[in-house]
Amino acid sequence: MVMVKSNKRTLSISTDEQLQNCVMSNVSVQIYVEDELDYEGEIVGYSDHSITTDDGIYLRVNCRVQTNSNYLKLLRS
């Protein structure tokens, strides 16, 4: 097996502010459940207890969200 090392830094997404920036910037994220990648794509919404994607809803306590993108992009109106 060949491991490819990425030059991009992985950022953990956990706060409401980080999630809001991901939603507003249409940033692609990876959602892990029990250390297995379960979803890769955009977050469409979130609440205190859940994260909503095009594929479904994840309980925040049961998943880990990461991105390799800059979720602090400037937003244009």
N, C-alpha and C. Protein backbone atom coordinates (compact mmCIF):
# COMPACT_ATOMS: atom_id res chain seq x y z
N MET A 1 0.84 -1.16 0.00
CA MET A 1 0.00 0.00 0.00
C MET A 1 0.90 1.24 0.00
N VAL A 2 0.55 2.22 -0.83
CA VAL A 2 1.31 3.46 -0.92
C VAL A 2 0.53 4.56 -0.23
N MET A 3 1.16 5.23 0.72
CA MET A 3 0.54 6.35 1.42
C MET A 3 0.92 7.64 0.71
N VAL A 4 -0.08 8.44 0.38
CA VAL A 4 0.16 9.73 -0.25
C VAL A 4 -0.01 10.80 0.81
N LYS A 5 1.00 11.61 0.99
CA LYS A 5 0.95 12.66 2.00
C LYS A 5 0.44 13.94 1.35
N SER A 6 -0.57 14.53 1.95
CA SER A 6 -1.15 15.76 1.43
C SER A 6 -0.46 16.95 2.06
N ASN A 7 -0.28 18.01 1.28
CA ASN A 7 0.30 19.24 1.79
C ASN A 7 -0.74 20.07 2.53
N LYS A 8 -2.00 19.72 2.40
CA LYS A 8 -3.05 20.49 3.05
C LYS A 8 -3.19 20.09 4.50
N ARG A 9 -3.44 21.08 5.33
CA ARG A 9 -3.64 20.84 6.75
C ARG A 9 -5.09 20.48 7.02
N THR A 10 -5.31 19.51 7.88
CA THR A 10 -6.66 19.12 8.26
C THR A 10 -7.09 19.95 9.46
N LEU A 11 -8.27 20.56 9.34
CA LEU A 11 -8.81 21.39 10.41
C LEU A 11 -10.05 20.73 10.99
N SER A 12 -10.12 20.64 12.30
CA SER A 12 -11.30 20.11 12.97
C SER A 12 -12.36 21.19 13.06
N ILE A 13 -13.60 20.80 12.81
CA ILE A 13 -14.74 21.72 12.87
C ILE A 13 -15.62 21.27 14.02
N SER A 14 -15.80 22.14 15.03
CA SER A 14 -16.61 21.72 16.17
C SER A 14 -17.51 22.82 16.73
N THR A 15 -17.14 24.07 16.56
CA THR A 15 -17.94 25.14 17.16
C THR A 15 -19.05 25.59 16.21
N ASP A 16 -20.05 26.24 16.77
CA ASP A 16 -21.13 26.80 15.95
C ASP A 16 -20.59 27.79 14.93
N GLU A 17 -19.61 28.59 15.32
CA GLU A 17 -19.04 29.59 14.41
C GLU A 17 -18.33 28.92 13.24
N GLN A 18 -17.61 27.83 13.51
CA GLN A 18 -16.94 27.10 12.44
C GLN A 18 -17.95 26.46 11.50
N LEU A 19 -19.00 25.85 12.07
CA LEU A 19 -20.04 25.23 11.24
C LEU A 19 -20.74 26.28 10.39
N GLN A 20 -21.05 27.43 10.97
CA GLN A 20 -21.71 28.51 10.21
C GLN A 20 -20.83 28.97 9.05
N ASN A 21 -19.53 29.12 9.29
CA ASN A 21 -18.62 29.51 8.21
C ASN A 21 -18.58 28.46 7.11
N CYS A 22 -18.62 27.18 7.47
CA CYS A 22 -18.64 26.11 6.47
C CYS A 22 -19.92 26.17 5.63
N VAL A 23 -21.06 26.39 6.28
CA VAL A 23 -22.34 26.48 5.57
C VAL A 23 -22.33 27.68 4.62
N MET A 24 -21.92 28.83 5.12
CA MET A 24 -21.96 30.05 4.32
C MET A 24 -20.94 30.05 3.18
N SER A 25 -19.81 29.36 3.37
CA SER A 25 -18.75 29.31 2.36
C SER A 25 -18.84 28.11 1.43
N ASN A 26 -19.83 27.22 1.66
CA ASN A 26 -19.99 26.01 0.85
C ASN A 26 -18.71 25.17 0.82
N VAL A 27 -18.10 25.02 1.99
CA VAL A 27 -16.84 24.29 2.11
C VAL A 27 -17.13 22.79 2.17
N SER A 28 -16.31 22.00 1.49
CA SER A 28 -16.42 20.56 1.55
C SER A 28 -15.80 20.07 2.85
N VAL A 29 -16.52 19.21 3.56
CA VAL A 29 -16.05 18.66 4.83
C VAL A 29 -16.07 17.13 4.76
N GLN A 30 -15.39 16.51 5.70
CA GLN A 30 -15.45 15.07 5.88
C GLN A 30 -16.08 14.82 7.24
N ILE A 31 -17.07 13.94 7.29
CA ILE A 31 -17.71 13.57 8.54
C ILE A 31 -17.38 12.12 8.84
N TYR A 32 -16.78 11.91 10.01
CA TYR A 32 -16.38 10.58 10.46
C TYR A 32 -17.31 10.11 11.56
N VAL A 33 -17.74 8.86 11.47
CA VAL A 33 -18.52 8.21 12.52
C VAL A 33 -17.71 7.00 12.95
N GLU A 34 -17.39 6.93 14.22
CA GLU A 34 -16.56 5.85 14.76
C GLU A 34 -15.27 5.69 13.94
N ASP A 35 -14.61 6.79 13.65
CA ASP A 35 -13.33 6.84 12.93
C ASP A 35 -13.39 6.34 11.50
N GLU A 36 -14.59 6.19 10.94
CA GLU A 36 -14.73 5.82 9.53
C GLU A 36 -15.37 6.97 8.78
N LEU A 37 -14.81 7.28 7.61
CA LEU A 37 -15.37 8.34 6.79
C LEU A 37 -16.76 7.93 6.34
N ASP A 38 -17.76 8.75 6.67
CA ASP A 38 -19.14 8.43 6.32
C ASP A 38 -19.71 9.38 5.28
N TYR A 39 -19.17 10.59 5.21
CA TYR A 39 -19.71 11.58 4.28
C TYR A 39 -18.61 12.56 3.89
N GLU A 40 -18.61 12.95 2.62
CA GLU A 40 -17.74 14.01 2.16
C GLU A 40 -18.55 14.92 1.26
N GLY A 41 -18.65 16.18 1.64
CA GLY A 41 -19.43 17.14 0.89
C GLY A 41 -19.73 18.36 1.75
N GLU A 42 -20.78 19.07 1.39
CA GLU A 42 -21.12 20.31 2.08
C GLU A 42 -22.12 20.08 3.21
N ILE A 43 -22.03 20.91 4.21
CA ILE A 43 -23.02 20.96 5.28
C ILE A 43 -24.10 21.94 4.85
N VAL A 44 -25.37 21.54 4.97
CA VAL A 44 -26.46 22.44 4.57
C VAL A 44 -27.13 23.10 5.76
N GLY A 45 -26.86 22.60 6.97
CA GLY A 45 -27.43 23.21 8.17
C GLY A 45 -26.94 22.51 9.41
N TYR A 46 -27.22 23.11 10.55
CA TYR A 46 -26.83 22.51 11.82
C TYR A 46 -27.69 23.08 12.94
N SER A 47 -27.72 22.39 14.06
CA SER A 47 -28.39 22.87 15.26
C SER A 47 -27.49 22.54 16.44
N ASP A 48 -27.99 22.76 17.64
CA ASP A 48 -27.20 22.45 18.83
C ASP A 48 -26.86 20.96 18.91
N HIS A 49 -27.69 20.12 18.30
CA HIS A 49 -27.53 18.67 18.45
C HIS A 49 -27.23 17.92 17.16
N SER A 50 -27.37 18.56 16.00
CA SER A 50 -27.21 17.82 14.75
C SER A 50 -26.53 18.64 13.66
N ILE A 51 -26.05 17.90 12.65
CA ILE A 51 -25.46 18.49 11.44
C ILE A 51 -26.21 17.88 10.27
N THR A 52 -26.71 18.72 9.38
CA THR A 52 -27.49 18.27 8.23
C THR A 52 -26.67 18.38 6.95
N THR A 53 -26.68 17.29 6.16
CA THR A 53 -26.03 17.26 4.86
C THR A 53 -27.06 16.85 3.81
N ASP A 54 -26.64 16.79 2.56
CA ASP A 54 -27.54 16.31 1.50
C ASP A 54 -27.89 14.84 1.69
N ASP A 55 -27.01 14.09 2.38
CA ASP A 55 -27.23 12.66 2.57
C ASP A 55 -27.97 12.30 3.84
N GLY A 56 -28.12 13.24 4.77
CA GLY A 56 -28.80 12.91 6.01
C GLY A 56 -28.43 13.82 7.15
N ILE A 57 -28.76 13.37 8.34
CA ILE A 57 -28.54 14.15 9.56
C ILE A 57 -27.64 13.34 10.49
N TYR A 58 -26.65 14.02 11.06
CA TYR A 58 -25.70 13.41 11.98
C TYR A 58 -25.86 14.05 13.35
N LEU A 59 -25.86 13.24 14.41
CA LEU A 59 -25.83 13.77 15.75
C LEU A 59 -24.41 14.28 16.03
N ARG A 60 -24.30 15.49 16.53
CA ARG A 60 -22.99 16.09 16.74
C ARG A 60 -22.14 15.29 17.73
N VAL A 61 -22.76 14.68 18.72
CA VAL A 61 -21.99 13.91 19.71
C VAL A 61 -21.44 12.61 19.14
N ASN A 62 -21.98 12.15 18.00
CA ASN A 62 -21.57 10.87 17.42
C ASN A 62 -20.65 11.00 16.21
N CYS A 63 -20.23 12.21 15.87
CA CYS A 63 -19.41 12.36 14.67
C CYS A 63 -18.28 13.36 14.89
N ARG A 64 -17.33 13.30 13.99
CA ARG A 64 -16.19 14.22 13.97
C ARG A 64 -16.17 14.84 12.58
N VAL A 65 -16.06 16.17 12.53
CA VAL A 65 -16.09 16.90 11.26
C VAL A 65 -14.71 17.53 11.03
N GLN A 66 -14.20 17.36 9.81
CA GLN A 66 -12.91 17.93 9.43
C GLN A 66 -13.02 18.53 8.04
N THR A 67 -12.07 19.42 7.74
CA THR A 67 -11.96 19.95 6.39
C THR A 67 -10.50 20.18 6.06
N ASN A 68 -10.21 20.17 4.77
CA ASN A 68 -8.89 20.52 4.28
C ASN A 68 -8.93 21.86 3.57
N SER A 69 -10.10 22.51 3.62
CA SER A 69 -10.30 23.78 2.94
C SER A 69 -10.30 24.92 3.94
N ASN A 70 -10.16 26.11 3.42
CA ASN A 70 -10.23 27.30 4.24
C ASN A 70 -11.70 27.65 4.42
N TYR A 71 -12.23 27.44 5.61
CA TYR A 71 -13.64 27.72 5.87
C TYR A 71 -13.86 29.17 6.25
N LEU A 72 -12.82 29.98 6.21
CA LEU A 72 -12.94 31.39 6.54
C LEU A 72 -12.85 32.26 5.28
N LYS A 73 -13.27 31.73 4.14
CA LYS A 73 -13.27 32.49 2.89
C LYS A 73 -14.15 33.71 3.03
N LEU A 74 -13.79 34.76 2.33
CA LEU A 74 -14.64 35.95 2.34
C LEU A 74 -15.93 35.66 1.60
N LEU A 75 -17.01 36.07 2.16
CA LEU A 75 -18.32 35.84 1.55
C LEU A 75 -18.71 37.05 0.72
N ARG A 76 -19.22 36.80 -0.46
CA ARG A 76 -19.70 37.88 -1.32
C ARG A 76 -21.21 37.87 -1.32
N SER A 77 -21.77 39.06 -1.21
CA SER A 77 -23.25 39.13 -1.21
C SER A 77 -23.79 39.46 -2.56
